[in-house]
Amino acid sequence: MDLSEEDATKLIENRVNFKLYAAEQQLNNLKTLNQNGVSIRQYRGRVPLEMEIECFLFHIVGVYDSLLVRINDKLGLKLKGKDIKYHNIKTILTSLNEQSLLTSLHNFYNNSSLKKLTEWRNYVTHHNLLNIHATGSSDEPEVFIDEGPDKKPDKKLPILFLEKGLKDVKDLVQDLNKHPLFK
């Protein structure tokens, strides 16, 4: 993490970019742990892996929250902390006839990757992160993303799932950044 003072200043001044940068760093840390042979089969290996994944989830979901705050500030909507929510901003943008921004925000809010990441972040805040099944025929366990008792486990590799989520969120931010409000 070698940042110039100028780059660090830009990150600190833009929470959306800060959150994206932090999520990317957590994902890189996770990949490094994986490349260094840290095993999810052992609790000693699981601790740093789960720490990185939870930090990633915190930051990537925070991108959306930071965008809402940014819209509130840029448009002078004067919503207070706990009231800065999609539905409140949507109502105001509709009354202001901000259709292009509303469409981009709607696409962001309804993105399946963001929804899945948010659900996963909310679940793992209080439950085990990964559901691990070791099979007798393999040295490597099958790793399932555990989304709670009401859902069937998703047999995706966590790193691939997180990479896709990061790419999708970056694309959505890029789309929103095209709006004149953010230039």
N, C-alpha and C. Protein backbone atom coordinates (compact mmCIF):
# COMPACT_ATOMS: atom_id res chain seq x y z
N MET A 1 0.84 -1.18 0.00
CA MET A 1 0.00 0.00 0.00
C MET A 1 0.89 1.24 0.00
N ASP A 2 1.43 1.53 -1.17
CA ASP A 2 2.32 2.67 -1.31
C ASP A 2 1.56 3.80 -1.99
N LEU A 3 1.05 4.73 -1.19
CA LEU A 3 0.27 5.85 -1.69
C LEU A 3 1.05 7.15 -1.59
N SER A 4 0.92 7.97 -2.62
CA SER A 4 1.48 9.32 -2.52
C SER A 4 0.57 10.13 -1.60
N GLU A 5 1.06 11.23 -1.12
CA GLU A 5 0.25 12.11 -0.27
C GLU A 5 -0.97 12.62 -1.04
N GLU A 6 -0.77 12.90 -2.33
CA GLU A 6 -1.87 13.39 -3.17
C GLU A 6 -2.96 12.32 -3.33
N ASP A 7 -2.54 11.07 -3.59
CA ASP A 7 -3.52 9.99 -3.74
C ASP A 7 -4.24 9.71 -2.43
N ALA A 8 -3.50 9.76 -1.33
CA ALA A 8 -4.11 9.54 -0.01
C ALA A 8 -5.14 10.63 0.29
N THR A 9 -4.80 11.86 -0.05
CA THR A 9 -5.73 12.99 0.16
C THR A 9 -7.01 12.78 -0.64
N LYS A 10 -6.88 12.36 -1.89
CA LYS A 10 -8.05 12.11 -2.73
C LYS A 10 -8.94 11.02 -2.14
N LEU A 11 -8.32 9.98 -1.60
CA LEU A 11 -9.10 8.90 -1.00
C LEU A 11 -9.84 9.37 0.25
N ILE A 12 -9.15 10.12 1.08
CA ILE A 12 -9.76 10.60 2.33
C ILE A 12 -10.90 11.56 2.03
N GLU A 13 -10.77 12.34 0.96
CA GLU A 13 -11.80 13.32 0.62
C GLU A 13 -12.98 12.73 -0.14
N ASN A 14 -12.88 11.50 -0.61
CA ASN A 14 -13.97 10.88 -1.37
C ASN A 14 -14.23 9.50 -0.76
N ARG A 15 -15.26 9.42 0.08
CA ARG A 15 -15.54 8.17 0.80
C ARG A 15 -15.90 7.02 -0.13
N VAL A 16 -16.51 7.31 -1.26
CA VAL A 16 -16.85 6.24 -2.21
C VAL A 16 -15.56 5.59 -2.71
N ASN A 17 -14.62 6.42 -3.16
CA ASN A 17 -13.35 5.87 -3.65
C ASN A 17 -12.54 5.23 -2.53
N PHE A 18 -12.63 5.80 -1.33
CA PHE A 18 -11.94 5.21 -0.18
C PHE A 18 -12.45 3.79 0.08
N LYS A 19 -13.77 3.64 0.07
CA LYS A 19 -14.37 2.32 0.34
C LYS A 19 -14.00 1.32 -0.76
N LEU A 20 -14.02 1.76 -2.02
CA LEU A 20 -13.61 0.88 -3.12
C LEU A 20 -12.15 0.46 -2.97
N TYR A 21 -11.30 1.42 -2.63
CA TYR A 21 -9.88 1.15 -2.45
C TYR A 21 -9.68 0.16 -1.29
N ALA A 22 -10.36 0.40 -0.19
CA ALA A 22 -10.22 -0.47 0.98
C ALA A 22 -10.69 -1.89 0.66
N ALA A 23 -11.82 -2.02 -0.05
CA ALA A 23 -12.33 -3.34 -0.43
C ALA A 23 -11.31 -4.05 -1.33
N GLU A 24 -10.74 -3.32 -2.25
CA GLU A 24 -9.75 -3.91 -3.15
C GLU A 24 -8.51 -4.38 -2.38
N GLN A 25 -8.09 -3.60 -1.40
CA GLN A 25 -6.95 -4.00 -0.56
C GLN A 25 -7.25 -5.27 0.22
N GLN A 26 -8.48 -5.35 0.77
CA GLN A 26 -8.87 -6.56 1.52
C GLN A 26 -8.89 -7.77 0.60
N LEU A 27 -9.37 -7.59 -0.62
CA LEU A 27 -9.40 -8.69 -1.58
C LEU A 27 -7.98 -9.12 -1.95
N ASN A 28 -7.09 -8.16 -2.12
CA ASN A 28 -5.68 -8.49 -2.39
C ASN A 28 -5.05 -9.24 -1.22
N ASN A 29 -5.37 -8.82 0.00
CA ASN A 29 -4.86 -9.53 1.19
C ASN A 29 -5.37 -10.96 1.21
N LEU A 30 -6.63 -11.14 0.85
CA LEU A 30 -7.23 -12.47 0.82
C LEU A 30 -6.53 -13.35 -0.22
N LYS A 31 -6.27 -12.78 -1.39
CA LYS A 31 -5.57 -13.52 -2.44
C LYS A 31 -4.16 -13.90 -1.99
N THR A 32 -3.48 -13.00 -1.30
CA THR A 32 -2.14 -13.28 -0.80
C THR A 32 -2.16 -14.42 0.21
N LEU A 33 -3.13 -14.39 1.11
CA LEU A 33 -3.26 -15.49 2.07
C LEU A 33 -3.48 -16.81 1.33
N ASN A 34 -4.32 -16.77 0.33
CA ASN A 34 -4.61 -17.96 -0.47
C ASN A 34 -3.35 -18.45 -1.19
N GLN A 35 -2.61 -17.54 -1.78
CA GLN A 35 -1.38 -17.90 -2.50
C GLN A 35 -0.31 -18.43 -1.55
N ASN A 36 -0.33 -17.97 -0.32
CA ASN A 36 0.65 -18.42 0.67
C ASN A 36 0.24 -19.73 1.34
N GLY A 37 -0.83 -20.33 0.84
CA GLY A 37 -1.22 -21.65 1.32
C GLY A 37 -1.98 -21.66 2.62
N VAL A 38 -2.51 -20.52 3.04
CA VAL A 38 -3.31 -20.50 4.26
C VAL A 38 -4.53 -21.37 4.00
N SER A 39 -4.76 -22.32 4.89
CA SER A 39 -5.82 -23.30 4.68
C SER A 39 -7.06 -22.96 5.48
N ILE A 40 -8.17 -23.02 4.78
CA ILE A 40 -9.46 -22.78 5.42
C ILE A 40 -9.90 -23.99 6.24
N ARG A 41 -9.20 -25.11 6.06
CA ARG A 41 -9.52 -26.34 6.80
C ARG A 41 -9.19 -26.24 8.29
N GLN A 42 -8.25 -25.37 8.61
CA GLN A 42 -7.83 -25.23 10.00
C GLN A 42 -8.30 -23.89 10.54
N TYR A 43 -8.69 -23.90 11.78
CA TYR A 43 -9.17 -22.66 12.38
C TYR A 43 -8.12 -21.57 12.34
N ARG A 44 -6.88 -21.94 12.51
CA ARG A 44 -5.78 -20.96 12.48
C ARG A 44 -5.74 -20.25 11.13
N GLY A 45 -6.06 -20.95 10.05
CA GLY A 45 -6.11 -20.33 8.73
C GLY A 45 -7.41 -19.60 8.47
N ARG A 46 -8.46 -20.11 9.05
CA ARG A 46 -9.77 -19.50 8.85
C ARG A 46 -9.89 -18.12 9.45
N VAL A 47 -9.22 -17.90 10.57
CA VAL A 47 -9.33 -16.60 11.25
C VAL A 47 -8.90 -15.46 10.33
N PRO A 48 -7.68 -15.49 9.77
CA PRO A 48 -7.31 -14.36 8.91
C PRO A 48 -8.14 -14.29 7.62
N LEU A 49 -8.53 -15.46 7.09
CA LEU A 49 -9.36 -15.45 5.89
C LEU A 49 -10.72 -14.80 6.15
N GLU A 50 -11.35 -15.19 7.25
CA GLU A 50 -12.65 -14.61 7.57
C GLU A 50 -12.53 -13.13 7.92
N MET A 51 -11.43 -12.74 8.57
CA MET A 51 -11.23 -11.31 8.87
C MET A 51 -11.19 -10.50 7.58
N GLU A 52 -10.43 -10.96 6.60
CA GLU A 52 -10.31 -10.24 5.34
C GLU A 52 -11.65 -10.19 4.59
N ILE A 53 -12.37 -11.30 4.59
CA ILE A 53 -13.66 -11.34 3.89
C ILE A 53 -14.65 -10.40 4.56
N GLU A 54 -14.72 -10.41 5.88
CA GLU A 54 -15.66 -9.53 6.57
C GLU A 54 -15.30 -8.07 6.36
N CYS A 55 -14.01 -7.75 6.38
CA CYS A 55 -13.61 -6.36 6.11
C CYS A 55 -13.97 -5.95 4.69
N PHE A 56 -13.76 -6.86 3.74
CA PHE A 56 -14.15 -6.60 2.36
C PHE A 56 -15.64 -6.28 2.28
N LEU A 57 -16.45 -7.13 2.90
CA LEU A 57 -17.90 -6.95 2.86
C LEU A 57 -18.32 -5.62 3.49
N PHE A 58 -17.70 -5.27 4.59
CA PHE A 58 -17.99 -3.99 5.25
C PHE A 58 -17.75 -2.83 4.28
N HIS A 59 -16.59 -2.84 3.63
CA HIS A 59 -16.24 -1.73 2.75
C HIS A 59 -17.05 -1.71 1.46
N ILE A 60 -17.26 -2.87 0.85
CA ILE A 60 -17.96 -2.89 -0.44
C ILE A 60 -19.42 -2.49 -0.28
N VAL A 61 -20.05 -2.89 0.80
CA VAL A 61 -21.44 -2.48 1.05
C VAL A 61 -21.46 -1.00 1.45
N GLY A 62 -20.42 -0.54 2.10
CA GLY A 62 -20.30 0.87 2.48
C GLY A 62 -20.21 1.81 1.29
N VAL A 63 -19.79 1.30 0.13
CA VAL A 63 -19.73 2.13 -1.08
C VAL A 63 -21.12 2.70 -1.37
N TYR A 64 -22.11 1.84 -1.31
CA TYR A 64 -23.48 2.28 -1.60
C TYR A 64 -23.94 3.33 -0.58
N ASP A 65 -23.70 3.08 0.69
CA ASP A 65 -24.10 4.04 1.72
C ASP A 65 -23.39 5.38 1.51
N SER A 66 -22.12 5.32 1.14
CA SER A 66 -21.35 6.56 0.89
C SER A 66 -21.90 7.31 -0.32
N LEU A 67 -22.36 6.59 -1.33
CA LEU A 67 -22.96 7.24 -2.50
C LEU A 67 -24.23 7.99 -2.10
N LEU A 68 -25.03 7.38 -1.25
CA LEU A 68 -26.25 8.06 -0.80
C LEU A 68 -25.92 9.34 -0.04
N VAL A 69 -24.92 9.28 0.81
CA VAL A 69 -24.50 10.47 1.55
C VAL A 69 -24.00 11.54 0.58
N ARG A 70 -23.24 11.11 -0.41
CA ARG A 70 -22.70 12.04 -1.41
C ARG A 70 -23.82 12.72 -2.19
N ILE A 71 -24.83 11.98 -2.59
CA ILE A 71 -25.98 12.55 -3.30
C ILE A 71 -26.70 13.55 -2.40
N ASN A 72 -26.91 13.17 -1.15
CA ASN A 72 -27.56 14.04 -0.18
C ASN A 72 -26.79 15.36 -0.05
N ASP A 73 -25.47 15.27 0.06
CA ASP A 73 -24.65 16.47 0.23
C ASP A 73 -24.61 17.32 -1.04
N LYS A 74 -24.39 16.67 -2.19
CA LYS A 74 -24.25 17.40 -3.46
C LYS A 74 -25.54 18.12 -3.85
N LEU A 75 -26.68 17.51 -3.59
CA LEU A 75 -27.95 18.12 -3.94
C LEU A 75 -28.53 18.97 -2.81
N GLY A 76 -27.86 18.99 -1.67
CA GLY A 76 -28.34 19.77 -0.54
C GLY A 76 -29.70 19.30 -0.05
N LEU A 77 -29.89 17.99 0.00
CA LEU A 77 -31.19 17.43 0.37
C LEU A 77 -31.49 17.60 1.86
N LYS A 78 -30.47 17.80 2.65
CA LYS A 78 -30.60 18.07 4.09
C LYS A 78 -31.20 16.91 4.89
N LEU A 79 -31.06 15.68 4.35
CA LEU A 79 -31.47 14.52 5.14
C LEU A 79 -30.42 14.31 6.23
N LYS A 80 -30.86 13.91 7.39
CA LYS A 80 -29.95 13.65 8.50
C LYS A 80 -29.54 12.18 8.49
N GLY A 81 -28.40 11.85 9.07
CA GLY A 81 -27.79 10.54 9.11
C GLY A 81 -28.68 9.34 8.88
N LYS A 82 -29.53 9.03 9.83
CA LYS A 82 -30.34 7.81 9.74
C LYS A 82 -31.42 7.90 8.67
N ASP A 83 -31.71 9.09 8.17
CA ASP A 83 -32.72 9.27 7.13
C ASP A 83 -32.15 9.18 5.72
N ILE A 84 -30.84 9.06 5.61
CA ILE A 84 -30.21 8.97 4.29
C ILE A 84 -30.32 7.52 3.82
N LYS A 85 -31.46 7.25 3.20
CA LYS A 85 -31.78 5.91 2.72
C LYS A 85 -32.26 6.02 1.28
N TYR A 86 -32.14 4.91 0.57
CA TYR A 86 -32.53 4.87 -0.84
C TYR A 86 -33.94 5.41 -1.06
N HIS A 87 -34.91 4.93 -0.30
CA HIS A 87 -36.30 5.29 -0.53
C HIS A 87 -36.55 6.78 -0.30
N ASN A 88 -35.89 7.38 0.69
CA ASN A 88 -36.04 8.81 0.93
C ASN A 88 -35.42 9.63 -0.21
N ILE A 89 -34.24 9.23 -0.63
CA ILE A 89 -33.57 9.94 -1.72
C ILE A 89 -34.34 9.75 -3.02
N LYS A 90 -34.85 8.56 -3.24
CA LYS A 90 -35.65 8.28 -4.45
C LYS A 90 -36.87 9.21 -4.51
N THR A 91 -37.54 9.38 -3.40
CA THR A 91 -38.72 10.26 -3.35
C THR A 91 -38.34 11.69 -3.71
N ILE A 92 -37.24 12.17 -3.15
CA ILE A 92 -36.81 13.55 -3.41
C ILE A 92 -36.36 13.70 -4.86
N LEU A 93 -35.57 12.74 -5.38
CA LEU A 93 -35.11 12.82 -6.77
C LEU A 93 -36.29 12.80 -7.73
N THR A 94 -37.32 12.04 -7.41
CA THR A 94 -38.52 12.00 -8.26
C THR A 94 -39.17 13.38 -8.29
N SER A 95 -39.30 14.01 -7.13
CA SER A 95 -39.93 15.34 -7.08
C SER A 95 -39.08 16.40 -7.76
N LEU A 96 -37.74 16.19 -7.78
CA LEU A 96 -36.84 17.14 -8.45
C LEU A 96 -36.68 16.83 -9.94
N ASN A 97 -37.34 15.77 -10.40
CA ASN A 97 -37.26 15.33 -11.80
C ASN A 97 -35.82 15.02 -12.23
N GLU A 98 -35.07 14.40 -11.34
CA GLU A 98 -33.68 13.98 -11.61
C GLU A 98 -33.70 12.55 -12.16
N GLN A 99 -34.30 12.38 -13.34
CA GLN A 99 -34.56 11.04 -13.87
C GLN A 99 -33.29 10.24 -14.15
N SER A 100 -32.27 10.86 -14.75
CA SER A 100 -31.07 10.08 -15.09
C SER A 100 -30.34 9.60 -13.83
N LEU A 101 -30.26 10.47 -12.83
CA LEU A 101 -29.63 10.07 -11.58
C LEU A 101 -30.48 9.01 -10.87
N LEU A 102 -31.77 9.18 -10.93
CA LEU A 102 -32.69 8.22 -10.32
C LEU A 102 -32.55 6.84 -10.97
N THR A 103 -32.42 6.80 -12.29
CA THR A 103 -32.25 5.54 -13.00
C THR A 103 -30.94 4.86 -12.61
N SER A 104 -29.85 5.63 -12.56
CA SER A 104 -28.55 5.06 -12.17
C SER A 104 -28.59 4.55 -10.74
N LEU A 105 -29.19 5.32 -9.86
CA LEU A 105 -29.29 4.91 -8.46
C LEU A 105 -30.17 3.67 -8.32
N HIS A 106 -31.25 3.62 -9.07
CA HIS A 106 -32.14 2.46 -9.06
C HIS A 106 -31.38 1.21 -9.52
N ASN A 107 -30.59 1.34 -10.59
CA ASN A 107 -29.80 0.22 -11.09
C ASN A 107 -28.80 -0.26 -10.03
N PHE A 108 -28.20 0.68 -9.33
CA PHE A 108 -27.24 0.34 -8.27
C PHE A 108 -27.96 -0.40 -7.16
N TYR A 109 -29.07 0.17 -6.71
CA TYR A 109 -29.82 -0.39 -5.58
C TYR A 109 -30.32 -1.81 -5.88
N ASN A 110 -30.70 -2.06 -7.11
CA ASN A 110 -31.27 -3.35 -7.47
C ASN A 110 -30.27 -4.33 -8.06
N ASN A 111 -29.00 -4.00 -8.04
CA ASN A 111 -27.98 -4.89 -8.58
C ASN A 111 -27.90 -6.17 -7.76
N SER A 112 -27.93 -7.30 -8.44
CA SER A 112 -27.95 -8.58 -7.73
C SER A 112 -26.67 -8.83 -6.94
N SER A 113 -25.52 -8.41 -7.46
CA SER A 113 -24.27 -8.60 -6.71
C SER A 113 -24.28 -7.80 -5.42
N LEU A 114 -24.69 -6.55 -5.50
CA LEU A 114 -24.75 -5.72 -4.30
C LEU A 114 -25.73 -6.29 -3.29
N LYS A 115 -26.87 -6.74 -3.76
CA LYS A 115 -27.87 -7.33 -2.84
C LYS A 115 -27.30 -8.56 -2.15
N LYS A 116 -26.63 -9.42 -2.92
CA LYS A 116 -26.07 -10.65 -2.35
C LYS A 116 -24.95 -10.31 -1.36
N LEU A 117 -24.09 -9.35 -1.71
CA LEU A 117 -23.02 -8.93 -0.80
C LEU A 117 -23.60 -8.33 0.48
N THR A 118 -24.65 -7.54 0.34
CA THR A 118 -25.29 -6.93 1.51
C THR A 118 -25.92 -7.99 2.40
N GLU A 119 -26.64 -8.94 1.79
CA GLU A 119 -27.23 -10.03 2.57
C GLU A 119 -26.15 -10.82 3.29
N TRP A 120 -25.08 -11.11 2.58
CA TRP A 120 -24.00 -11.89 3.18
C TRP A 120 -23.35 -11.12 4.32
N ARG A 121 -23.08 -9.83 4.10
CA ARG A 121 -22.50 -9.00 5.17
C ARG A 121 -23.41 -8.98 6.39
N ASN A 122 -24.71 -8.81 6.17
CA ASN A 122 -25.65 -8.77 7.28
C ASN A 122 -25.69 -10.11 8.03
N TYR A 123 -25.64 -11.20 7.30
CA TYR A 123 -25.67 -12.52 7.92
C TYR A 123 -24.39 -12.79 8.71
N VAL A 124 -23.24 -12.54 8.11
CA VAL A 124 -21.99 -12.92 8.76
C VAL A 124 -21.60 -11.99 9.90
N THR A 125 -22.33 -10.90 10.04
CA THR A 125 -22.08 -10.03 11.19
C THR A 125 -22.30 -10.78 12.50
N HIS A 126 -23.20 -11.76 12.47
CA HIS A 126 -23.55 -12.47 13.69
C HIS A 126 -23.44 -13.99 13.60
N HIS A 127 -23.08 -14.52 12.43
CA HIS A 127 -23.03 -15.97 12.23
C HIS A 127 -21.71 -16.38 11.60
N ASN A 128 -21.49 -17.69 11.50
CA ASN A 128 -20.30 -18.18 10.82
C ASN A 128 -20.31 -17.72 9.39
N LEU A 129 -19.13 -17.39 8.91
CA LEU A 129 -18.99 -16.86 7.57
C LEU A 129 -19.11 -17.94 6.50
N LEU A 130 -18.36 -18.99 6.66
CA LEU A 130 -18.30 -20.02 5.64
C LEU A 130 -18.76 -21.36 6.19
N ASN A 131 -19.47 -22.08 5.39
CA ASN A 131 -19.90 -23.41 5.73
C ASN A 131 -18.96 -24.36 5.00
N ILE A 132 -18.17 -25.14 5.72
CA ILE A 132 -17.14 -25.97 5.11
C ILE A 132 -17.52 -27.43 5.18
N HIS A 133 -17.38 -28.10 4.05
CA HIS A 133 -17.65 -29.53 3.97
C HIS A 133 -16.40 -30.21 3.44
N ALA A 134 -15.80 -31.07 4.23
CA ALA A 134 -14.64 -31.83 3.78
C ALA A 134 -15.13 -33.18 3.26
N THR A 135 -14.72 -33.50 2.05
CA THR A 135 -15.12 -34.77 1.47
C THR A 135 -13.98 -35.78 1.63
N GLY A 136 -14.31 -37.04 1.70
CA GLY A 136 -13.30 -38.07 1.88
C GLY A 136 -12.44 -38.29 0.65
N SER A 137 -12.89 -37.85 -0.51
CA SER A 137 -12.17 -38.12 -1.75
C SER A 137 -11.19 -37.02 -2.13
N SER A 138 -11.09 -35.97 -1.34
CA SER A 138 -10.24 -34.86 -1.73
C SER A 138 -9.51 -34.29 -0.52
N ASP A 139 -8.30 -33.79 -0.77
CA ASP A 139 -7.56 -33.11 0.29
C ASP A 139 -8.11 -31.70 0.54
N GLU A 140 -8.74 -31.15 -0.47
CA GLU A 140 -9.28 -29.80 -0.35
C GLU A 140 -10.76 -29.87 0.00
N PRO A 141 -11.20 -29.08 0.95
CA PRO A 141 -12.62 -29.09 1.30
C PRO A 141 -13.44 -28.35 0.25
N GLU A 142 -14.70 -28.66 0.21
CA GLU A 142 -15.61 -27.85 -0.57
C GLU A 142 -16.00 -26.67 0.31
N VAL A 143 -15.99 -25.49 -0.25
CA VAL A 143 -16.31 -24.30 0.52
C VAL A 143 -17.62 -23.72 -0.01
N PHE A 144 -18.56 -23.53 0.89
CA PHE A 144 -19.84 -22.98 0.53
C PHE A 144 -20.02 -21.63 1.20
N ILE A 145 -20.59 -20.71 0.49
CA ILE A 145 -20.93 -19.43 1.09
C ILE A 145 -22.23 -19.65 1.86
N ASP A 146 -22.19 -19.47 3.16
CA ASP A 146 -23.34 -19.72 4.02
C ASP A 146 -24.18 -18.45 4.11
N GLU A 147 -25.40 -18.53 3.62
CA GLU A 147 -26.27 -17.35 3.61
C GLU A 147 -27.42 -17.47 4.58
N GLY A 148 -27.31 -18.39 5.50
CA GLY A 148 -28.34 -18.50 6.52
C GLY A 148 -29.14 -19.77 6.40
N PRO A 149 -29.89 -20.09 7.45
CA PRO A 149 -30.61 -21.36 7.51
C PRO A 149 -31.73 -21.49 6.48
N ASP A 150 -32.24 -20.38 5.97
CA ASP A 150 -33.36 -20.43 5.04
C ASP A 150 -32.92 -20.58 3.58
N LYS A 151 -31.61 -20.56 3.35
CA LYS A 151 -31.12 -20.58 1.97
C LYS A 151 -30.20 -21.75 1.73
N LYS A 152 -30.22 -22.23 0.52
CA LYS A 152 -29.35 -23.31 0.11
C LYS A 152 -27.93 -22.75 -0.05
N PRO A 153 -26.92 -23.44 0.48
CA PRO A 153 -25.55 -22.93 0.35
C PRO A 153 -25.14 -22.77 -1.12
N ASP A 154 -24.38 -21.73 -1.39
CA ASP A 154 -23.92 -21.42 -2.73
C ASP A 154 -22.48 -21.91 -2.86
N LYS A 155 -22.24 -22.85 -3.77
CA LYS A 155 -20.93 -23.47 -3.89
C LYS A 155 -20.02 -22.67 -4.82
N LYS A 156 -19.86 -21.39 -4.54
CA LYS A 156 -18.94 -20.56 -5.30
C LYS A 156 -17.68 -20.40 -4.48
N LEU A 157 -16.57 -20.25 -5.16
CA LEU A 157 -15.35 -19.94 -4.44
C LEU A 157 -15.45 -18.51 -3.94
N PRO A 158 -15.22 -18.29 -2.66
CA PRO A 158 -15.38 -16.93 -2.12
C PRO A 158 -14.58 -15.86 -2.87
N ILE A 159 -13.35 -16.15 -3.28
CA ILE A 159 -12.56 -15.12 -3.95
C ILE A 159 -13.20 -14.73 -5.28
N LEU A 160 -13.66 -15.71 -6.04
CA LEU A 160 -14.30 -15.40 -7.33
C LEU A 160 -15.59 -14.60 -7.11
N PHE A 161 -16.34 -14.97 -6.11
CA PHE A 161 -17.58 -14.28 -5.76
C PHE A 161 -17.28 -12.82 -5.38
N LEU A 162 -16.24 -12.61 -4.58
CA LEU A 162 -15.89 -11.26 -4.14
C LEU A 162 -15.33 -10.44 -5.29
N GLU A 163 -14.53 -11.06 -6.16
CA GLU A 163 -14.00 -10.36 -7.33
C GLU A 163 -15.13 -9.86 -8.23
N LYS A 164 -16.10 -10.72 -8.46
CA LYS A 164 -17.25 -10.33 -9.29
C LYS A 164 -18.02 -9.20 -8.62
N GLY A 165 -18.21 -9.30 -7.32
CA GLY A 165 -18.91 -8.24 -6.60
C GLY A 165 -18.18 -6.92 -6.69
N LEU A 166 -16.86 -6.93 -6.53
CA LEU A 166 -16.08 -5.70 -6.63
C LEU A 166 -16.19 -5.10 -8.02
N LYS A 167 -16.07 -5.94 -9.05
CA LYS A 167 -16.16 -5.45 -10.43
C LYS A 167 -17.53 -4.84 -10.68
N ASP A 168 -18.58 -5.51 -10.25
CA ASP A 168 -19.94 -5.00 -10.46
C ASP A 168 -20.15 -3.67 -9.76
N VAL A 169 -19.69 -3.55 -8.53
CA VAL A 169 -19.86 -2.30 -7.78
C VAL A 169 -19.03 -1.19 -8.43
N LYS A 170 -17.81 -1.49 -8.87
CA LYS A 170 -17.00 -0.48 -9.56
C LYS A 170 -17.71 0.00 -10.83
N ASP A 171 -18.29 -0.92 -11.59
CA ASP A 171 -19.02 -0.56 -12.81
C ASP A 171 -20.21 0.34 -12.48
N LEU A 172 -20.92 0.03 -11.41
CA LEU A 172 -22.07 0.84 -11.01
C LEU A 172 -21.63 2.24 -10.58
N VAL A 173 -20.53 2.33 -9.85
CA VAL A 173 -20.00 3.64 -9.44
C VAL A 173 -19.58 4.43 -10.67
N GLN A 174 -18.93 3.77 -11.61
CA GLN A 174 -18.51 4.43 -12.84
C GLN A 174 -19.72 4.99 -13.59
N ASP A 175 -20.79 4.23 -13.62
CA ASP A 175 -22.02 4.69 -14.28
C ASP A 175 -22.58 5.92 -13.57
N LEU A 176 -22.62 5.88 -12.25
CA LEU A 176 -23.12 7.03 -11.50
C LEU A 176 -22.21 8.25 -11.65
N ASN A 177 -20.90 8.01 -11.76
CA ASN A 177 -19.96 9.12 -11.91
C ASN A 177 -20.12 9.87 -13.23
N LYS A 178 -20.83 9.30 -14.18
CA LYS A 178 -21.07 9.98 -15.46
C LYS A 178 -22.10 11.10 -15.31
N HIS A 179 -22.86 11.04 -14.24
CA HIS A 179 -23.89 12.07 -14.01
C HIS A 179 -23.21 13.40 -13.70
N PRO A 180 -23.73 14.51 -14.25
CA PRO A 180 -23.11 15.83 -14.03
C PRO A 180 -22.93 16.20 -12.56
N LEU A 181 -23.76 15.67 -11.70
CA LEU A 181 -23.66 15.96 -10.27
C LEU A 181 -22.30 15.57 -9.71
N PHE A 182 -21.69 14.53 -10.27
CA PHE A 182 -20.44 13.99 -9.72
C PHE A 182 -19.20 14.47 -10.46
N LYS A 183 -19.37 15.31 -11.43
CA LYS A 183 -18.19 15.79 -12.20
C LYS A 183 -17.54 16.97 -11.54
